[in-house]
Amino acid sequence: MFGYVDAARRSWQLGATLFVAFGLLALLVAAIGLYGVICLQRHAADARTGCARALGAQRPDILRLVVGQSARFALAGIAVGTALSLCFAGRWVQPLLFQQSAKDPSIYVVVG
């Protein structure tokens, strides 16, 4: 009897192990991509700051320039990600959820 339970559990254990491994791999790839985007954004901000200082901009003007452009970039990413997840990911994720909708607005607010 225990052999049957162990065999049934082994397939679930393999699936869970693969989910964890691929999740960690996805986290690593996302961290590397985020690092690249942040470095690119910092380089662009340094270039804009240098040009603005050369033209005589004050510190609040430079701060408004950098934060404003970064905020627009972040909001555009959130909007595109939300739209894509509502259109495509909801169909694939919904069967895996228990008593939860894949289109729950509170989840999208927290994640965004």
Protein backbone atom coordinates (compact mmCIF):
# COMPACT_ATOMS: atom_id res chain seq x y z
CA MET A 1 0.00 0.00 0.00
CA PHE A 2 2.78 2.44 0.86
CA GLY A 3 4.49 1.70 -2.47
CA TYR A 4 1.42 2.90 -4.36
CA VAL A 5 1.21 6.14 -2.35
CA ASP A 6 4.94 6.74 -2.75
CA ALA A 7 4.73 6.25 -6.53
CA ALA A 8 1.79 8.66 -6.79
CA ARG A 9 3.56 11.21 -4.61
CA ARG A 10 6.79 10.98 -6.59
CA SER A 11 5.22 12.45 -9.76
CA TRP A 12 3.82 15.39 -7.77
CA GLN A 13 7.17 15.89 -6.10
CA LEU A 14 8.92 15.96 -9.47
CA GLY A 15 6.43 18.51 -10.79
CA ALA A 16 6.86 20.71 -7.72
CA THR A 17 10.64 20.49 -7.99
CA LEU A 18 10.50 21.50 -11.66
CA PHE A 19 8.18 24.43 -10.85
CA VAL A 20 10.63 25.65 -8.21
CA ALA A 21 13.64 25.24 -10.52
CA PHE A 22 12.00 27.08 -13.41
CA GLY A 23 10.69 29.74 -11.02
CA LEU A 24 14.19 30.38 -9.72
CA LEU A 25 15.53 30.49 -13.27
CA ALA A 26 12.84 33.00 -14.24
CA LEU A 27 13.68 35.08 -11.18
CA LEU A 28 17.36 35.10 -12.15
CA VAL A 29 16.59 36.12 -15.74
CA ALA A 30 14.22 38.85 -14.52
CA ALA A 31 16.83 40.18 -12.09
CA ILE A 32 19.47 40.33 -14.83
CA GLY A 33 17.03 42.10 -17.15
CA LEU A 34 16.01 44.56 -14.46
CA TYR A 35 19.67 45.29 -13.71
CA GLY A 36 20.27 46.00 -17.40
CA VAL A 37 17.28 48.32 -17.65
CA ILE A 38 18.30 50.18 -14.49
CA CYS A 39 21.86 50.63 -15.78
CA LEU A 40 20.56 51.90 -19.11
CA GLN A 41 18.15 54.26 -17.36
CA ARG A 42 20.91 55.55 -15.09
CA HIS A 43 23.20 56.18 -18.04
CA ALA A 44 20.42 58.06 -19.84
CA ALA A 45 19.67 60.06 -16.68
CA ASP A 46 23.35 60.96 -16.30
CA ALA A 47 23.45 62.16 -19.90
CA ARG A 48 20.28 64.25 -19.46
CA THR A 49 21.54 65.65 -16.17
CA GLY A 50 24.85 66.68 -17.71
CA CYS A 51 23.13 68.44 -20.59
CA ALA A 52 20.65 70.16 -18.28
CA ARG A 53 23.41 71.35 -15.94
CA ALA A 54 25.36 72.68 -18.89
CA LEU A 55 22.31 74.70 -19.91
CA GLY A 56 21.93 76.10 -16.39
CA ALA A 57 19.12 74.00 -14.89
CA GLN A 58 18.72 74.00 -11.13
CA ARG A 59 18.54 70.90 -8.92
CA PRO A 60 14.69 70.78 -8.63
CA ASP A 61 14.38 71.05 -12.42
CA ILE A 62 16.78 68.14 -12.93
CA LEU A 63 15.00 66.05 -10.29
CA ARG A 64 11.64 66.72 -11.94
CA LEU A 65 13.09 65.78 -15.34
CA VAL A 66 14.60 62.47 -14.21
CA VAL A 67 11.73 61.36 -11.95
CA GLY A 68 9.09 62.39 -14.48
CA GLN A 69 10.66 60.46 -17.32
CA SER A 70 11.30 57.42 -15.11
CA ALA A 71 7.70 57.48 -13.84
CA ARG A 72 6.35 57.60 -17.39
CA PHE A 73 8.58 54.66 -18.32
CA ALA A 74 7.39 52.65 -15.29
CA LEU A 75 3.70 53.46 -15.87
CA ALA A 76 3.97 52.44 -19.51
CA GLY A 77 5.51 49.11 -18.45
CA ILE A 78 2.75 48.52 -15.88
CA ALA A 79 0.06 49.33 -18.45
CA VAL A 80 1.52 47.02 -21.10
CA GLY A 81 2.10 44.21 -18.60
CA THR A 82 -1.42 44.48 -17.22
CA ALA A 83 -2.97 44.50 -20.68
CA LEU A 84 -0.97 41.47 -21.80
CA SER A 85 -1.71 39.52 -18.63
CA LEU A 86 -5.43 40.28 -18.86
CA CYS A 87 -5.53 39.20 -22.51
CA PHE A 88 -3.30 36.14 -22.52
CA ALA A 89 -2.17 34.89 -19.12
CA GLY A 90 -5.64 34.73 -17.56
CA ARG A 91 -6.68 31.83 -19.78
CA TRP A 92 -3.70 29.72 -18.80
CA VAL A 93 -3.58 30.58 -15.11
CA GLN A 94 -7.30 30.33 -14.28
CA PRO A 95 -7.41 26.50 -14.10
CA LEU A 96 -4.55 26.56 -11.56
CA LEU A 97 -6.29 28.95 -9.16
CA PHE A 98 -8.52 27.86 -6.30
CA GLN A 99 -11.54 30.09 -5.61
CA GLN A 100 -9.79 33.09 -7.16
CA SER A 101 -10.29 34.87 -10.44
CA ALA A 102 -7.35 35.45 -12.77
CA LYS A 103 -8.78 38.92 -13.45
CA ASP A 104 -9.05 40.07 -9.83
CA PRO A 105 -8.31 43.82 -9.83
CA SER A 106 -6.81 43.81 -6.32
CA ILE A 107 -4.04 41.47 -7.48
CA TYR A 108 -3.19 43.74 -10.39
CA VAL A 109 -3.10 46.80 -8.13
CA VAL A 110 -0.76 45.12 -5.64
CA VAL A 111 1.55 43.75 -8.33
CA GLY A 112 1.64 47.05 -10.23
